[in-house]
Amino acid sequence: MSKEKPVIAVVIPCYKVKDKVLNVLNRIPADVAHIFCVDDACPEQSGVFIKQSCTDKRVQVLFHDKNQGVGGAMITGYKAALGTDADVVVKVDGDGQMNPEILHLFTAPIFKGLCDYTKGNRFFRPEDVQSMPRLRLFGNGALSFLTKLSSGYWNIFDPTNGYTAIHARVLRRLPLDKMSHDYFFESDMLFRLNILRAVVLDIPMTSVYTGEQSSLTVSNVLWPFLKGHARNFCKRVAYNYFLRDFHVASLEFVLGILFLLFGVIFGLVEWHAGQTAGVTASAGTVMLSALPVILGVQMLLSFLQFDIQSVPRFPLHQNLPDE
């Protein structure tokens, strides 16, 4: 870090958190220099409530005329934080599920030069998993695998966790205006960080569930999340394996898909023809279908093994100048 005492900024997206946000603000550590609360066109007027009720001079309230989603609120908050002298910017939700008092667990690894970005992981301790609602447990497990695949960070879990911290030098290099404005924001952030080759680290944490209904429902996010992960996976593979560099894994990826498609399509065509003519397929026909499928699967597994070993391991911010 360039300063003797690193500067921390906190961004809090505010939407329907009027009854809990003051408690969150009161628990933010005293050595945090800047706090940005973003009222994302909240119907409860959380921003006005904060301005009227909070006397903390560190707090600045930013307003949206129209609701932009959690990603849009974070983009506004990030831009405001980048206008200060902050070294690290932390995201904390205003609903009370994240403990602001453990904020330094997220900033410390960045200050020590171990990583560029930290995020919470509610699955680290078995005791925390047992207390988690089963629907969230299943949903996060499925989303974690999709995020590993699309982002390339095979070493992280709980991708929708919103408790995060990022080094300002790295944040400045993210294309904030191109990032997702909705609940896909955290997953999209990981994809963008991988393109930069930033190091990401999970921080074990416990969330507090008070029986509130989550606005992140399966029916609302299933298709957008599937589409977003598929898009990001294709982009990441194209950037990292064909534009920036070319590996044996690049060939394995292409040939694996071609072999797999050939084997499946050829097998289906021959099976249909045999069923129509009432003829049993010969051993040679079966092998001509099965062998490409086996080779294709093996090549794709080899590609995945290479991809898992390619997780960024050298912090980016240490080699970036201040701007």
C-alpha atoms as a PDB file:
ATOM      1  CA  MET A   1       0.000   0.000   0.000  1.00  0.00           C
ATOM      2  CA  SER A   2       1.092   3.530  -0.750  1.00  0.00           C
ATOM      3  CA  LYS A   3      -0.119   4.966   2.606  1.00  0.00           C
ATOM      4  CA  GLU A   4       0.992   4.163   6.137  1.00  0.00           C
ATOM      5  CA  LYS A   5      -2.660   3.630   7.072  1.00  0.00           C
ATOM      6  CA  PRO A   6      -4.761   2.166   4.244  1.00  0.00           C
ATOM      7  CA  VAL A   7      -8.102   3.840   3.586  1.00  0.00           C
ATOM      8  CA  ILE A   8     -11.291   1.792   3.536  1.00  0.00           C
ATOM      9  CA  ALA A   9     -14.574   2.743   1.889  1.00  0.00           C
ATOM     10  CA  VAL A  10     -17.852   0.865   2.332  1.00  0.00           C
ATOM     11  CA  VAL A  11     -20.723   0.728  -0.166  1.00  0.00           C
ATOM     12  CA  ILE A  12     -24.211  -0.280   1.014  1.00  0.00           C
ATOM     13  CA  PRO A  13     -26.971  -0.823  -1.587  1.00  0.00           C
ATOM     14  CA  CYS A  14     -30.251   0.197   0.023  1.00  0.00           C
ATOM     15  CA  TYR A  15     -33.579  -1.219  -1.085  1.00  0.00           C
ATOM     16  CA  LYS A  16     -36.311  -1.998   1.439  1.00  0.00           C
ATOM     17  CA  VAL A  17     -33.842  -1.986   4.346  1.00  0.00           C
ATOM     18  CA  LYS A  18     -35.221   0.973   6.297  1.00  0.00           C
ATOM     19  CA  ASP A  19     -35.788  -1.011   9.488  1.00  0.00           C
ATOM     20  CA  LYS A  20     -32.281  -2.506   9.577  1.00  0.00           C
ATOM     21  CA  VAL A  21     -29.834  -0.179   7.843  1.00  0.00           C
ATOM     22  CA  LEU A  22     -29.180   2.084  10.845  1.00  0.00           C
ATOM     23  CA  ASN A  23     -28.071  -0.897  12.904  1.00  0.00           C
ATOM     24  CA  VAL A  24     -25.699  -1.867  10.093  1.00  0.00           C
ATOM     25  CA  LEU A  25     -24.273   1.654   9.907  1.00  0.00           C
ATOM     26  CA  ASN A  26     -23.772   1.847  13.665  1.00  0.00           C
ATOM     27  CA  ARG A  27     -21.724  -1.359  13.630  1.00  0.00           C
ATOM     28  CA  ILE A  28     -19.283  -0.347  10.895  1.00  0.00           C
ATOM     29  CA  PRO A  29     -15.761  -0.064  12.414  1.00  0.00           C
ATOM     30  CA  ALA A  30     -14.547   3.404  13.302  1.00  0.00           C
ATOM     31  CA  ASP A  31     -11.457   3.215  11.064  1.00  0.00           C
ATOM     32  CA  VAL A  32     -13.586   3.062   7.907  1.00  0.00           C
ATOM     33  CA  ALA A  33     -13.155   6.428   6.212  1.00  0.00           C
ATOM     34  CA  HIS A  34     -16.064   6.584   3.771  1.00  0.00           C
ATOM     35  CA  ILE A  35     -19.550   5.041   3.740  1.00  0.00           C
ATOM     36  CA  PHE A  36     -21.754   5.304   0.648  1.00  0.00           C
ATOM     37  CA  CYS A  37     -25.417   4.327   0.955  1.00  0.00           C
ATOM     38  CA  VAL A  38     -27.117   3.990  -2.422  1.00  0.00           C
ATOM     39  CA  ASP A  39     -30.898   4.439  -2.350  1.00  0.00           C
ATOM     40  CA  ASP A  40     -31.915   2.400  -5.372  1.00  0.00           C
ATOM     41  CA  ALA A  41     -35.308   4.135  -5.778  1.00  0.00           C
ATOM     42  CA  CYS A  42     -36.352   2.460  -2.539  1.00  0.00           C
ATOM     43  CA  PRO A  43     -40.137   2.611  -1.963  1.00  0.00           C
ATOM     44  CA  GLU A  44     -39.435   3.046   1.757  1.00  0.00           C
ATOM     45  CA  GLN A  45     -37.207   6.058   1.010  1.00  0.00           C
ATOM     46  CA  SER A  46     -34.293   4.486   2.848  1.00  0.00           C
ATOM     47  CA  GLY A  47     -31.939   7.214   1.682  1.00  0.00           C
ATOM     48  CA  VAL A  48     -34.058  10.040   3.101  1.00  0.00           C
ATOM     49  CA  PHE A  49     -34.435   8.088   6.336  1.00  0.00           C
ATOM     50  CA  ILE A  50     -30.658   7.666   6.608  1.00  0.00           C
ATOM     51  CA  LYS A  51     -30.028  11.379   6.022  1.00  0.00           C
ATOM     52  CA  GLN A  52     -32.572  12.296   8.690  1.00  0.00           C
ATOM     53  CA  SER A  53     -31.582   9.684  11.266  1.00  0.00           C
ATOM     54  CA  CYS A  54     -27.844   9.073  10.872  1.00  0.00           C
ATOM     55  CA  THR A  55     -25.391  11.580  12.326  1.00  0.00           C
ATOM     56  CA  ASP A  56     -22.255   9.741  11.166  1.00  0.00           C
ATOM     57  CA  LYS A  57     -20.302  12.260   9.069  1.00  0.00           C
ATOM     58  CA  ARG A  58     -18.676   9.453   7.097  1.00  0.00           C
ATOM     59  CA  VAL A  59     -22.021   8.559   5.537  1.00  0.00           C
ATOM     60  CA  GLN A  60     -22.988   9.903   2.110  1.00  0.00           C
ATOM     61  CA  VAL A  61     -26.312   8.997   0.530  1.00  0.00           C
ATOM     62  CA  LEU A  62     -26.628   8.572  -3.230  1.00  0.00           C
ATOM     63  CA  PHE A  63     -29.996   8.387  -4.964  1.00  0.00           C
ATOM     64  CA  HIS A  64     -31.345   6.637  -8.069  1.00  0.00           C
ATOM     65  CA  ASP A  65     -34.411   8.061  -9.804  1.00  0.00           C
ATOM     66  CA  LYS A  66     -35.265   4.578 -11.087  1.00  0.00           C
ATOM     67  CA  ASN A  67     -34.555   1.176  -9.595  1.00  0.00           C
ATOM     68  CA  GLN A  68     -31.451  -0.307 -11.255  1.00  0.00           C
ATOM     69  CA  GLY A  69     -31.001  -3.484  -9.221  1.00  0.00           C
ATOM     70  CA  VAL A  70     -28.255  -4.373  -6.770  1.00  0.00           C
ATOM     71  CA  GLY A  71     -25.624  -4.294  -9.523  1.00  0.00           C
ATOM     72  CA  GLY A  72     -26.647  -0.820 -10.630  1.00  0.00           C
ATOM     73  CA  ALA A  73     -26.540   0.396  -7.032  1.00  0.00           C
ATOM     74  CA  MET A  74     -23.072  -1.078  -6.547  1.00  0.00           C
ATOM     75  CA  ILE A  75     -21.767   0.491  -9.750  1.00  0.00           C
ATOM     76  CA  THR A  76     -22.922   3.900  -8.508  1.00  0.00           C
ATOM     77  CA  GLY A  77     -21.334   3.272  -5.115  1.00  0.00           C
ATOM     78  CA  TYR A  78     -18.092   1.987  -6.616  1.00  0.00           C
ATOM     79  CA  LYS A  79     -17.750   5.058  -8.824  1.00  0.00           C
ATOM     80  CA  ALA A  80     -18.277   7.313  -5.820  1.00  0.00           C
ATOM     81  CA  ALA A  81     -15.693   5.381  -3.796  1.00  0.00           C
ATOM     82  CA  LEU A  82     -13.160   5.649  -6.625  1.00  0.00           C
ATOM     83  CA  GLY A  83     -13.510   9.426  -6.352  1.00  0.00           C
ATOM     84  CA  THR A  84     -12.021   9.269  -2.847  1.00  0.00           C
ATOM     85  CA  ASP A  85      -8.606   8.208  -1.542  1.00  0.00           C
ATOM     86  CA  ALA A  86      -9.836   4.694  -0.703  1.00  0.00           C
ATOM     87  CA  ASP A  87      -7.404   1.799  -1.100  1.00  0.00           C
ATOM     88  CA  VAL A  88     -10.026  -0.906  -0.624  1.00  0.00           C
ATOM     89  CA  VAL A  89     -13.781  -0.796  -1.223  1.00  0.00           C
ATOM     90  CA  VAL A  90     -16.047  -3.121   0.763  1.00  0.00           C
ATOM     91  CA  LYS A  91     -19.625  -4.097  -0.085  1.00  0.00           C
ATOM     92  CA  VAL A  92     -21.998  -4.744   2.801  1.00  0.00           C
ATOM     93  CA  ASP A  93     -25.741  -5.291   2.391  1.00  0.00           C
ATOM     94  CA  GLY A  94     -28.114  -3.179   4.428  1.00  0.00           C
ATOM     95  CA  ASP A  95     -30.446  -6.009   5.493  1.00  0.00           C
ATOM     96  CA  GLY A  96     -28.467  -7.036   8.567  1.00  0.00           C
ATOM     97  CA  GLN A  97     -27.473 -10.493   7.307  1.00  0.00           C
ATOM     98  CA  MET A  98     -23.796  -9.500   7.154  1.00  0.00           C
ATOM     99  CA  ASN A  99     -21.839  -8.617  10.269  1.00  0.00           C
ATOM    100  CA  PRO A 100     -20.035  -5.283   9.657  1.00  0.00           C
ATOM    101  CA  GLU A 101     -17.794  -5.948  12.647  1.00  0.00           C
ATOM    102  CA  ILE A 102     -15.865  -8.662  10.745  1.00  0.00           C
ATOM    103  CA  LEU A 103     -15.104  -6.263   7.898  1.00  0.00           C
ATOM    104  CA  HIS A 104     -11.373  -6.435   8.596  1.00  0.00           C
ATOM    105  CA  LEU A 105     -11.344 -10.163   7.845  1.00  0.00           C
ATOM    106  CA  PHE A 106     -12.119  -9.160   4.256  1.00  0.00           C
ATOM    107  CA  THR A 107      -9.668  -6.269   3.953  1.00  0.00           C
ATOM    108  CA  ALA A 108      -6.677  -7.828   5.761  1.00  0.00           C
ATOM    109  CA  PRO A 109      -5.723 -10.353   3.007  1.00  0.00           C
ATOM    110  CA  ILE A 110      -5.771  -7.524   0.458  1.00  0.00           C
ATOM    111  CA  PHE A 111      -3.647  -5.257   2.642  1.00  0.00           C
ATOM    112  CA  LYS A 112      -1.176  -8.113   3.117  1.00  0.00           C
ATOM    113  CA  GLY A 113      -0.853  -8.559  -0.658  1.00  0.00           C
ATOM    114  CA  LEU A 114      -2.373 -12.046  -0.654  1.00  0.00           C
ATOM    115  CA  CYS A 115      -5.208 -11.282  -3.083  1.00  0.00           C
ATOM    116  CA  ASP A 116      -7.076  -8.577  -4.981  1.00  0.00           C
ATOM    117  CA  TYR A 117     -10.654  -9.469  -4.067  1.00  0.00           C
ATOM    118  CA  THR A 118     -12.268 -11.231  -1.137  1.00  0.00           C
ATOM    119  CA  LYS A 119     -15.782 -12.588  -0.791  1.00  0.00           C
ATOM    120  CA  GLY A 120     -17.757 -14.322   1.900  1.00  0.00           C
ATOM    121  CA  ASN A 121     -18.338 -18.069   2.035  1.00  0.00           C
ATOM    122  CA  ARG A 122     -21.250 -19.262   4.182  1.00  0.00           C
ATOM    123  CA  PHE A 123     -20.484 -22.939   3.458  1.00  0.00           C
ATOM    124  CA  PHE A 124     -17.079 -23.188   5.133  1.00  0.00           C
ATOM    125  CA  ARG A 125     -18.246 -24.308   8.581  1.00  0.00           C
ATOM    126  CA  PRO A 126     -20.610 -27.306   8.909  1.00  0.00           C
ATOM    127  CA  GLU A 127     -22.497 -25.515  11.700  1.00  0.00           C
ATOM    128  CA  ASP A 128     -23.382 -22.650   9.359  1.00  0.00           C
ATOM    129  CA  VAL A 129     -24.588 -25.026   6.645  1.00  0.00           C
ATOM    130  CA  GLN A 130     -26.918 -26.793   9.106  1.00  0.00           C
ATOM    131  CA  SER A 131     -28.659 -23.508   9.955  1.00  0.00           C
ATOM    132  CA  MET A 132     -29.087 -22.463   6.324  1.00  0.00           C
ATOM    133  CA  PRO A 133     -32.516 -22.797   4.664  1.00  0.00           C
ATOM    134  CA  ARG A 134     -32.494 -25.920   2.478  1.00  0.00           C
ATOM    135  CA  LEU A 135     -33.664 -24.107  -0.651  1.00  0.00           C
ATOM    136  CA  ARG A 136     -30.787 -21.644  -0.380  1.00  0.00           C
ATOM    137  CA  LEU A 137     -28.384 -24.500   0.266  1.00  0.00           C
ATOM    138  CA  PHE A 138     -29.393 -26.316  -2.916  1.00  0.00           C
ATOM    139  CA  GLY A 139     -29.553 -23.152  -5.023  1.00  0.00           C
ATOM    140  CA  ASN A 140     -26.138 -21.921  -3.939  1.00  0.00           C
ATOM    141  CA  GLY A 141     -24.602 -25.332  -4.589  1.00  0.00           C
ATOM    142  CA  ALA A 142     -25.872 -25.348  -8.165  1.00  0.00           C
ATOM    143  CA  LEU A 143     -24.938 -21.723  -8.771  1.00  0.00           C
ATOM    144  CA  SER A 144     -21.465 -22.307  -7.342  1.00  0.00           C
ATOM    145  CA  PHE A 145     -20.694 -24.956  -9.948  1.00  0.00           C
ATOM    146  CA  LEU A 146     -22.005 -22.785 -12.797  1.00  0.00           C
ATOM    147  CA  THR A 147     -19.949 -19.840 -11.528  1.00  0.00           C
ATOM    148  CA  LYS A 148     -16.795 -21.937 -11.274  1.00  0.00           C
ATOM    149  CA  LEU A 149     -17.308 -22.951 -14.889  1.00  0.00           C
ATOM    150  CA  SER A 150     -18.073 -19.481 -16.218  1.00  0.00           C
ATOM    151  CA  SER A 151     -15.598 -17.463 -14.128  1.00  0.00           C
ATOM    152  CA  GLY A 152     -12.664 -19.882 -13.971  1.00  0.00           C
ATOM    153  CA  TYR A 153     -12.351 -19.503 -10.173  1.00  0.00           C
ATOM    154  CA  TRP A 154     -12.545 -23.173  -9.224  1.00  0.00           C
ATOM    155  CA  ASN A 155     -11.217 -22.369  -5.742  1.00  0.00           C
ATOM    156  CA  ILE A 156     -14.249 -20.361  -4.555  1.00  0.00           C
ATOM    157  CA  PHE A 157     -17.759 -21.196  -3.410  1.00  0.00           C
ATOM    158  CA  ASP A 158     -20.994 -19.345  -2.551  1.00  0.00           C
ATOM    159  CA  PRO A 159     -20.819 -17.032  -5.606  1.00  0.00           C
ATOM    160  CA  THR A 160     -23.940 -14.987  -4.786  1.00  0.00           C
ATOM    161  CA  ASN A 161     -22.474 -13.898  -1.450  1.00  0.00           C
ATOM    162  CA  GLY A 162     -22.557 -10.103  -1.426  1.00  0.00           C
ATOM    163  CA  TYR A 163     -20.011  -9.495   1.344  1.00  0.00           C
ATOM    164  CA  THR A 164     -16.957  -8.514  -0.707  1.00  0.00           C
ATOM    165  CA  ALA A 165     -13.860  -6.313  -0.729  1.00  0.00           C
ATOM    166  CA  ILE A 166     -11.748  -5.214  -3.676  1.00  0.00           C
ATOM    167  CA  HIS A 167      -8.536  -3.253  -4.114  1.00  0.00           C
ATOM    168  CA  ALA A 168      -9.202   0.146  -5.675  1.00  0.00           C
ATOM    169  CA  ARG A 169      -6.461  -0.304  -8.283  1.00  0.00           C
ATOM    170  CA  VAL A 170      -8.184  -3.411  -9.575  1.00  0.00           C
ATOM    171  CA  LEU A 171     -11.638  -1.839  -9.322  1.00  0.00           C
ATOM    172  CA  ARG A 172     -10.540   1.008 -11.579  1.00  0.00           C
ATOM    173  CA  ARG A 173      -9.716  -1.466 -14.327  1.00  0.00           C
ATOM    174  CA  LEU A 174     -13.097  -3.147 -14.340  1.00  0.00           C
ATOM    175  CA  PRO A 175     -15.578  -2.095 -17.072  1.00  0.00           C
ATOM    176  CA  LEU A 176     -18.226  -1.091 -14.534  1.00  0.00           C
ATOM    177  CA  ASP A 177     -20.677   0.254 -17.104  1.00  0.00           C
ATOM    178  CA  LYS A 178     -20.707  -3.110 -18.908  1.00  0.00           C
ATOM    179  CA  MET A 179     -21.432  -5.183 -15.816  1.00  0.00           C
ATOM    180  CA  SER A 180     -24.757  -6.749 -14.910  1.00  0.00           C
ATOM    181  CA  HIS A 181     -27.140  -4.462 -13.012  1.00  0.00           C
ATOM    182  CA  ASP A 182     -29.243  -7.214 -11.431  1.00  0.00           C
ATOM    183  CA  TYR A 183     -28.637 -10.160  -9.088  1.00  0.00           C
ATOM    184  CA  PHE A 184     -26.105 -11.599 -11.535  1.00  0.00           C
ATOM    185  CA  PHE A 185     -23.726  -8.802 -10.519  1.00  0.00           C
ATOM    186  CA  GLU A 186     -21.576 -10.857  -8.118  1.00  0.00           C
ATOM    187  CA  SER A 187     -21.143 -13.677 -10.661  1.00  0.00           C
ATOM    188  CA  ASP A 188     -20.397 -11.204 -13.432  1.00  0.00           C
ATOM    189  CA  MET A 189     -17.829  -9.533 -11.186  1.00  0.00           C
ATOM    190  CA  LEU A 190     -15.942 -12.821 -10.845  1.00  0.00           C
ATOM    191  CA  PHE A 191     -15.897 -13.276 -14.617  1.00  0.00           C
ATOM    192  CA  ARG A 192     -14.520  -9.751 -15.112  1.00  0.00           C
ATOM    193  CA  LEU A 193     -11.883 -10.311 -12.421  1.00  0.00           C
ATOM    194  CA  ASN A 194     -10.707 -13.499 -14.128  1.00  0.00           C
ATOM    195  CA  ILE A 195     -10.270 -11.628 -17.398  1.00  0.00           C
ATOM    196  CA  LEU A 196      -7.970  -9.265 -15.482  1.00  0.00           C
ATOM    197  CA  ARG A 197      -6.269 -12.303 -13.853  1.00  0.00           C
ATOM    198  CA  ALA A 198      -6.988 -10.994 -10.352  1.00  0.00           C
ATOM    199  CA  VAL A 199      -6.627 -13.258  -7.306  1.00  0.00           C
ATOM    200  CA  VAL A 200      -9.848 -14.054  -5.412  1.00  0.00           C
ATOM    201  CA  LEU A 201     -10.014 -15.450  -1.879  1.00  0.00           C
ATOM    202  CA  ASP A 202     -12.979 -16.848   0.089  1.00  0.00           C
ATOM    203  CA  ILE A 203     -13.535 -15.616   3.659  1.00  0.00           C
ATOM    204  CA  PRO A 204     -15.509 -17.913   6.011  1.00  0.00           C
ATOM    205  CA  MET A 205     -18.512 -16.115   7.496  1.00  0.00           C
ATOM    206  CA  THR A 206     -21.896 -16.697   9.093  1.00  0.00           C
ATOM    207  CA  SER A 207     -25.085 -15.100   7.823  1.00  0.00           C
ATOM    208  CA  VAL A 208     -28.055 -14.255  10.027  1.00  0.00           C
ATOM    209  CA  TYR A 209     -31.437 -15.448   8.763  1.00  0.00           C
ATOM    210  CA  THR A 210     -34.417 -13.845  10.468  1.00  0.00           C
ATOM    211  CA  GLY A 211     -37.188 -15.497   8.483  1.00  0.00           C
ATOM    212  CA  GLU A 212     -37.461 -12.839   5.785  1.00  0.00           C
ATOM    213  CA  GLN A 213     -38.419 -13.900   2.286  1.00  0.00           C
ATOM    214  CA  SER A 214     -35.555 -13.644  -0.158  1.00  0.00           C
ATOM    215  CA  SER A 215     -36.277 -11.643  -3.323  1.00  0.00           C
ATOM    216  CA  LEU A 216     -33.859 -13.932  -5.155  1.00  0.00           C
ATOM    217  CA  THR A 217     -36.311 -16.595  -6.328  1.00  0.00           C
ATOM    218  CA  VAL A 218     -35.604 -19.517  -8.666  1.00  0.00           C
ATOM    219  CA  SER A 219     -38.323 -18.527 -11.122  1.00  0.00           C
ATOM    220  CA  ASN A 220     -36.937 -15.001 -11.461  1.00  0.00           C
ATOM    221  CA  VAL A 221     -33.258 -15.811 -11.890  1.00  0.00           C
ATOM    222  CA  LEU A 222     -33.091 -19.276 -13.470  1.00  0.00           C
ATOM    223  CA  TRP A 223     -33.050 -18.255 -17.124  1.00  0.00           C
ATOM    224  CA  PRO A 224     -31.056 -14.984 -16.677  1.00  0.00           C
ATOM    225  CA  PHE A 225     -28.423 -16.843 -14.639  1.00  0.00           C
ATOM    226  CA  LEU A 226     -28.149 -19.727 -17.125  1.00  0.00           C
ATOM    227  CA  LYS A 227     -27.861 -17.287 -20.018  1.00  0.00           C
ATOM    228  CA  GLY A 228     -25.339 -15.121 -18.182  1.00  0.00           C
ATOM    229  CA  HIS A 229     -23.119 -18.043 -17.197  1.00  0.00           C
ATOM    230  CA  ALA A 230     -23.195 -19.486 -20.727  1.00  0.00           C
ATOM    231  CA  ARG A 231     -22.254 -16.117 -22.208  1.00  0.00           C
ATOM    232  CA  ASN A 232     -19.433 -15.537 -19.735  1.00  0.00           C
ATOM    233  CA  PHE A 233     -18.053 -19.054 -20.174  1.00  0.00           C
ATOM    234  CA  CYS A 234     -17.854 -18.601 -23.953  1.00  0.00           C
ATOM    235  CA  LYS A 235     -16.228 -15.179 -23.572  1.00  0.00           C
ATOM    236  CA  ARG A 236     -13.705 -16.391 -21.007  1.00  0.00           C
ATOM    237  CA  VAL A 237     -12.647 -19.382 -23.095  1.00  0.00           C
ATOM    238  CA  ALA A 238     -12.344 -17.185 -26.184  1.00  0.00           C
ATOM    239  CA  TYR A 239     -10.265 -14.542 -24.358  1.00  0.00           C
ATOM    240  CA  ASN A 240      -8.003 -16.824 -22.334  1.00  0.00           C
ATOM    241  CA  TYR A 241      -7.524 -19.763 -24.708  1.00  0.00           C
ATOM    242  CA  PHE A 242      -7.662 -18.272 -28.201  1.00  0.00           C
ATOM    243  CA  LEU A 243      -7.079 -14.491 -28.188  1.00  0.00           C
ATOM    244  CA  ARG A 244      -4.486 -14.009 -25.432  1.00  0.00           C
ATOM    245  CA  ASP A 245      -2.771 -17.345 -25.726  1.00  0.00           C
ATOM    246  CA  PHE A 246      -3.076 -20.764 -27.340  1.00  0.00           C
ATOM    247  CA  HIS A 247      -2.499 -23.959 -25.374  1.00  0.00           C
ATOM    248  CA  VAL A 248      -2.800 -27.673 -25.899  1.00  0.00           C
ATOM    249  CA  ALA A 249      -5.958 -27.209 -23.803  1.00  0.00           C
ATOM    250  CA  SER A 250      -7.318 -24.974 -26.575  1.00  0.00           C
ATOM    251  CA  LEU A 251      -7.045 -27.859 -29.035  1.00  0.00           C
ATOM    252  CA  GLU A 252      -8.509 -30.274 -26.507  1.00  0.00           C
ATOM    253  CA  PHE A 253     -11.518 -28.012 -26.059  1.00  0.00           C
ATOM    254  CA  VAL A 254     -12.251 -27.715 -29.786  1.00  0.00           C
ATOM    255  CA  LEU A 255     -11.498 -31.337 -30.690  1.00  0.00           C
ATOM    256  CA  GLY A 256     -13.356 -32.602 -27.633  1.00  0.00           C
ATOM    257  CA  ILE A 257     -16.539 -30.807 -28.702  1.00  0.00           C
ATOM    258  CA  LEU A 258     -16.176 -31.966 -32.324  1.00  0.00           C
ATOM    259  CA  PHE A 259     -15.569 -35.606 -31.382  1.00  0.00           C
ATOM    260  CA  LEU A 260     -18.425 -35.585 -28.888  1.00  0.00           C
ATOM    261  CA  LEU A 261     -20.884 -34.026 -31.335  1.00  0.00           C
ATOM    262  CA  PHE A 262     -19.857 -36.383 -34.138  1.00  0.00           C
ATOM    263  CA  GLY A 263     -20.229 -39.467 -31.964  1.00  0.00           C
ATOM    264  CA  VAL A 264     -23.627 -38.440 -30.578  1.00  0.00           C
ATOM    265  CA  ILE A 265     -25.082 -37.308 -33.915  1.00  0.00           C
ATOM    266  CA  PHE A 266     -23.719 -40.298 -35.845  1.00  0.00           C
ATOM    267  CA  GLY A 267     -25.008 -42.681 -33.185  1.00  0.00           C
ATOM    268  CA  LEU A 268     -28.480 -41.156 -33.196  1.00  0.00           C
ATOM    269  CA  VAL A 269     -28.691 -41.208 -36.997  1.00  0.00           C
ATOM    270  CA  GLU A 270     -27.580 -44.835 -37.198  1.00  0.00           C
ATOM    271  CA  TRP A 271     -29.902 -45.848 -34.368  1.00  0.00           C
ATOM    272  CA  HIS A 272     -32.877 -44.205 -36.103  1.00  0.00           C
ATOM    273  CA  ALA A 273     -31.991 -45.846 -39.421  1.00  0.00           C
ATOM    274  CA  GLY A 274     -31.684 -49.240 -37.737  1.00  0.00           C
ATOM    275  CA  GLN A 275     -35.008 -48.844 -35.940  1.00  0.00           C
ATOM    276  CA  THR A 276     -36.729 -47.861 -39.174  1.00  0.00           C
ATOM    277  CA  ALA A 277     -35.272 -50.817 -41.135  1.00  0.00           C
ATOM    278  CA  GLY A 278     -35.579 -53.250 -38.242  1.00  0.00           C
ATOM    279  CA  VAL A 279     -31.843 -53.981 -38.410  1.00  0.00           C
ATOM    280  CA  THR A 280     -29.493 -54.269 -35.408  1.00  0.00           C
ATOM    281  CA  ALA A 281     -26.432 -52.034 -35.644  1.00  0.00           C
ATOM    282  CA  SER A 282     -23.144 -53.804 -36.261  1.00  0.00           C
ATOM    283  CA  ALA A 283     -20.287 -53.787 -33.768  1.00  0.00           C
ATOM    284  CA  GLY A 284     -18.312 -51.525 -36.108  1.00  0.00           C
ATOM    285  CA  THR A 285     -21.120 -48.977 -36.231  1.00  0.00           C
ATOM    286  CA  VAL A 286     -21.401 -48.975 -32.445  1.00  0.00           C
ATOM    287  CA  MET A 287     -17.653 -48.456 -32.062  1.00  0.00           C
ATOM    288  CA  LEU A 288     -17.655 -45.707 -34.682  1.00  0.00           C
ATOM    289  CA  SER A 289     -20.171 -43.864 -32.520  1.00  0.00           C
ATOM    290  CA  ALA A 290     -18.814 -44.744 -29.066  1.00  0.00           C
ATOM    291  CA  LEU A 291     -15.113 -44.097 -29.711  1.00  0.00           C
ATOM    292  CA  PRO A 292     -15.503 -40.396 -30.675  1.00  0.00           C
ATOM    293  CA  VAL A 293     -17.761 -39.875 -27.639  1.00  0.00           C
ATOM    294  CA  ILE A 294     -15.154 -41.412 -25.319  1.00  0.00           C
ATOM    295  CA  LEU A 295     -12.344 -39.395 -26.898  1.00  0.00           C
ATOM    296  CA  GLY A 296     -14.418 -36.200 -26.752  1.00  0.00           C
ATOM    297  CA  VAL A 297     -15.254 -36.638 -23.076  1.00  0.00           C
ATOM    298  CA  GLN A 298     -11.616 -37.387 -22.234  1.00  0.00           C
ATOM    299  CA  MET A 299     -10.401 -34.279 -24.068  1.00  0.00           C
ATOM    300  CA  LEU A 300     -12.970 -32.058 -22.357  1.00  0.00           C
ATOM    301  CA  LEU A 301     -12.020 -33.481 -18.963  1.00  0.00           C
ATOM    302  CA  SER A 302      -8.369 -32.765 -19.747  1.00  0.00           C
ATOM    303  CA  PHE A 303      -9.328 -29.209 -20.700  1.00  0.00           C
ATOM    304  CA  LEU A 304     -11.167 -28.781 -17.385  1.00  0.00           C
ATOM    305  CA  GLN A 305      -8.158 -30.082 -15.462  1.00  0.00           C
ATOM    306  CA  PHE A 306      -5.942 -27.511 -17.177  1.00  0.00           C
ATOM    307  CA  ASP A 307      -8.523 -24.801 -16.498  1.00  0.00           C
ATOM    308  CA  ILE A 308      -8.669 -25.680 -12.794  1.00  0.00           C
ATOM    309  CA  GLN A 309      -4.883 -25.434 -12.555  1.00  0.00           C
ATOM    310  CA  SER A 310      -4.967 -22.023 -14.265  1.00  0.00           C
ATOM    311  CA  VAL A 311      -6.714 -20.171 -11.423  1.00  0.00           C
ATOM    312  CA  PRO A 312      -4.882 -16.798 -10.940  1.00  0.00           C
ATOM    313  CA  ARG A 313      -2.388 -16.987  -8.079  1.00  0.00           C
ATOM    314  CA  PHE A 314      -0.332 -13.772  -8.273  1.00  0.00           C
ATOM    315  CA  PRO A 315      -2.086 -10.647  -6.921  1.00  0.00           C
ATOM    316  CA  LEU A 316      -2.627  -8.072  -9.625  1.00  0.00           C
ATOM    317  CA  HIS A 317      -2.774  -4.865  -7.575  1.00  0.00           C
ATOM    318  CA  GLN A 318       0.870  -5.089  -6.502  1.00  0.00           C
ATOM    319  CA  ASN A 319       1.972  -4.440 -10.080  1.00  0.00           C
ATOM    320  CA  LEU A 320      -0.547  -1.716 -10.875  1.00  0.00           C
ATOM    321  CA  PRO A 321       0.197   1.997 -10.449  1.00  0.00           C
ATOM    322  CA  ASP A 322      -2.083   4.352  -8.504  1.00  0.00           C
ATOM    323  CA  GLU A 323      -4.242   6.509 -10.751  1.00  0.00           C
END
